[in-house]
Protein backbone atom coordinates (compact mmCIF):
# COMPACT_ATOMS: atom_id res chain seq x y z
CA MET A 1 18.73 -83.57 14.00
CA HIS A 2 16.62 -83.21 10.87
CA THR A 3 13.64 -84.90 12.51
CA ALA A 4 13.98 -82.57 15.50
CA GLY A 5 13.77 -79.55 13.17
CA ILE A 6 17.40 -78.57 13.67
CA ILE A 7 19.01 -76.87 10.66
CA VAL A 8 22.18 -78.81 9.84
CA SER A 9 25.32 -77.31 8.31
CA LEU A 10 28.65 -79.00 7.69
CA PHE A 11 32.10 -77.35 7.89
CA ILE A 12 33.96 -78.70 4.85
CA ASP A 13 36.77 -78.03 2.41
CA PRO A 14 35.79 -76.09 -0.73
CA SER A 15 35.44 -79.24 -2.82
CA GLU A 16 32.61 -80.25 -5.13
CA LYS A 17 32.73 -83.82 -3.81
CA GLN A 18 32.29 -82.63 -0.23
CA ILE A 19 29.53 -80.22 -1.26
CA GLU A 20 27.70 -83.03 -3.07
CA ALA A 21 28.03 -85.27 0.00
CA THR A 22 26.68 -82.46 2.19
CA LYS A 23 23.63 -82.14 -0.05
CA ARG A 24 23.08 -85.93 -0.09
CA LEU A 25 23.05 -85.90 3.71
CA GLY A 26 20.16 -83.46 3.61
CA CYS A 27 21.99 -80.52 5.11
CA ALA A 28 20.56 -77.06 4.57
CA ALA A 29 23.86 -75.19 4.63
CA VAL A 30 27.57 -75.54 4.20
CA GLU A 31 30.46 -73.60 5.72
CA LEU A 32 33.46 -73.64 3.43
CA HIS A 33 36.82 -73.80 5.18
CA THR A 34 38.86 -70.68 4.38
CA GLY A 35 42.02 -71.80 6.15
CA ARG A 36 44.11 -72.41 3.02
CA TYR A 37 43.16 -68.94 1.77
CA ALA A 38 44.01 -67.38 5.15
CA ASP A 39 47.32 -69.25 5.38
CA ALA A 40 48.48 -68.61 1.80
CA THR A 41 52.02 -67.27 1.79
CA SER A 42 51.99 -65.35 -1.50
CA PRO A 43 49.51 -63.16 -3.35
CA ALA A 44 49.34 -65.75 -6.15
CA ALA A 45 48.58 -68.60 -3.75
CA GLN A 46 45.98 -66.48 -1.98
CA ALA A 47 44.33 -65.59 -5.31
CA GLU A 48 44.24 -69.28 -6.26
CA GLU A 49 42.60 -70.25 -2.96
CA LEU A 50 40.11 -67.38 -3.27
CA GLU A 51 39.15 -68.59 -6.75
CA GLN A 52 38.60 -72.10 -5.36
CA LEU A 53 36.36 -70.66 -2.65
CA HIS A 54 34.44 -68.71 -5.27
CA ARG A 55 33.94 -71.76 -7.52
CA ALA A 56 32.94 -73.98 -4.62
CA GLY A 57 30.63 -71.32 -3.25
CA GLN A 58 28.80 -70.99 -6.54
CA PHE A 59 28.52 -74.77 -6.80
CA ALA A 60 27.07 -74.94 -3.27
CA LEU A 61 24.48 -72.31 -4.16
CA GLN A 62 23.60 -74.15 -7.38
CA THR A 63 22.94 -77.29 -5.37
CA GLY A 64 20.55 -75.35 -3.15
CA LEU A 65 22.71 -75.01 -0.05
CA VAL A 66 22.97 -71.87 2.06
CA LEU A 67 26.57 -70.65 1.86
CA HIS A 68 28.83 -69.72 4.77
CA PHE A 69 32.61 -69.24 5.08
CA GLY A 70 34.96 -69.46 8.01
CA HIS A 71 38.33 -70.14 9.59
CA GLY A 72 41.29 -67.80 9.71
CA LEU A 73 39.40 -64.75 8.48
CA THR A 74 40.78 -61.47 9.79
CA TYR A 75 40.44 -57.74 9.33
CA ARG A 76 43.13 -57.96 6.64
CA ASN A 77 41.73 -60.80 4.51
CA VAL A 78 37.95 -60.82 5.00
CA GLN A 79 36.85 -58.48 2.22
CA PRO A 80 37.57 -60.71 -0.80
CA VAL A 81 35.68 -63.59 0.84
CA ALA A 82 32.81 -61.32 1.90
CA ALA A 83 32.51 -60.20 -1.73
CA ILE A 84 31.83 -63.73 -2.99
CA PRO A 85 28.25 -63.71 -4.27
CA GLY A 86 25.83 -65.55 -2.01
CA ALA A 87 28.00 -65.49 1.12
CA GLY A 88 25.39 -65.58 3.86
CA GLU A 89 27.54 -65.83 6.96
CA LEU A 90 31.21 -65.32 7.84
CA ASN A 91 32.59 -66.91 10.99
CA ILE A 92 35.30 -64.62 12.34
CA GLY A 93 35.17 -64.97 16.12
CA HIS A 94 38.86 -65.26 16.95
CA SER A 95 39.93 -62.15 15.07
CA ILE A 96 37.14 -60.05 16.55
CA VAL A 97 37.89 -61.21 20.09
CA ALA A 98 41.60 -60.50 19.65
CA ARG A 99 40.85 -56.99 18.33
CA ALA A 100 38.38 -56.40 21.16
CA VAL A 101 41.18 -56.71 23.68
CA MET A 102 42.56 -53.46 22.27
CA VAL A 103 39.43 -51.49 21.33
CA GLY A 104 36.48 -53.21 23.05
CA PHE A 105 33.83 -55.45 21.51
CA THR A 106 31.59 -52.68 20.23
CA GLN A 107 34.38 -51.09 18.21
CA ALA A 108 35.83 -54.44 17.07
CA VAL A 109 32.45 -55.60 15.74
CA ARG A 110 31.78 -52.20 14.17
CA GLU A 111 35.12 -52.32 12.31
CA MET A 112 34.56 -55.86 11.04
CA ARG A 113 31.00 -55.10 9.99
CA GLU A 114 32.18 -52.08 8.02
CA LEU A 115 34.76 -54.19 6.17
CA ILE A 116 32.13 -56.79 5.29
CA VAL A 117 29.47 -54.29 4.23
CA THR A 118 31.85 -52.33 2.00
CA ALA A 119 33.06 -55.56 0.36
CA LYS A 120 29.59 -56.50 -0.90
């Protein structure tokens, strides 16, 4: 893919070892898996997972990777992740599509965008 000029990104856990491996493979970007954060069952567990995402995100940026986040992000939990410095992209398709069933895509996207913009 690199030789064809395709920008490569890997979807990985927020781990320094996986980030280092992503960089060694020559990828331009990394998407950190936010599932453990999204699935956390207590505020303390969620805060711990958010801190791990923050640390891993900063490490990814320091290694020169473009930083993305995704999986399990919703209207209720997106803002703390969106506020992580350097977050370039958030993948939130499922939540937006589910909300769109009730309010339509234009409104669903508008609402999510507002949450993200105000978090930064």
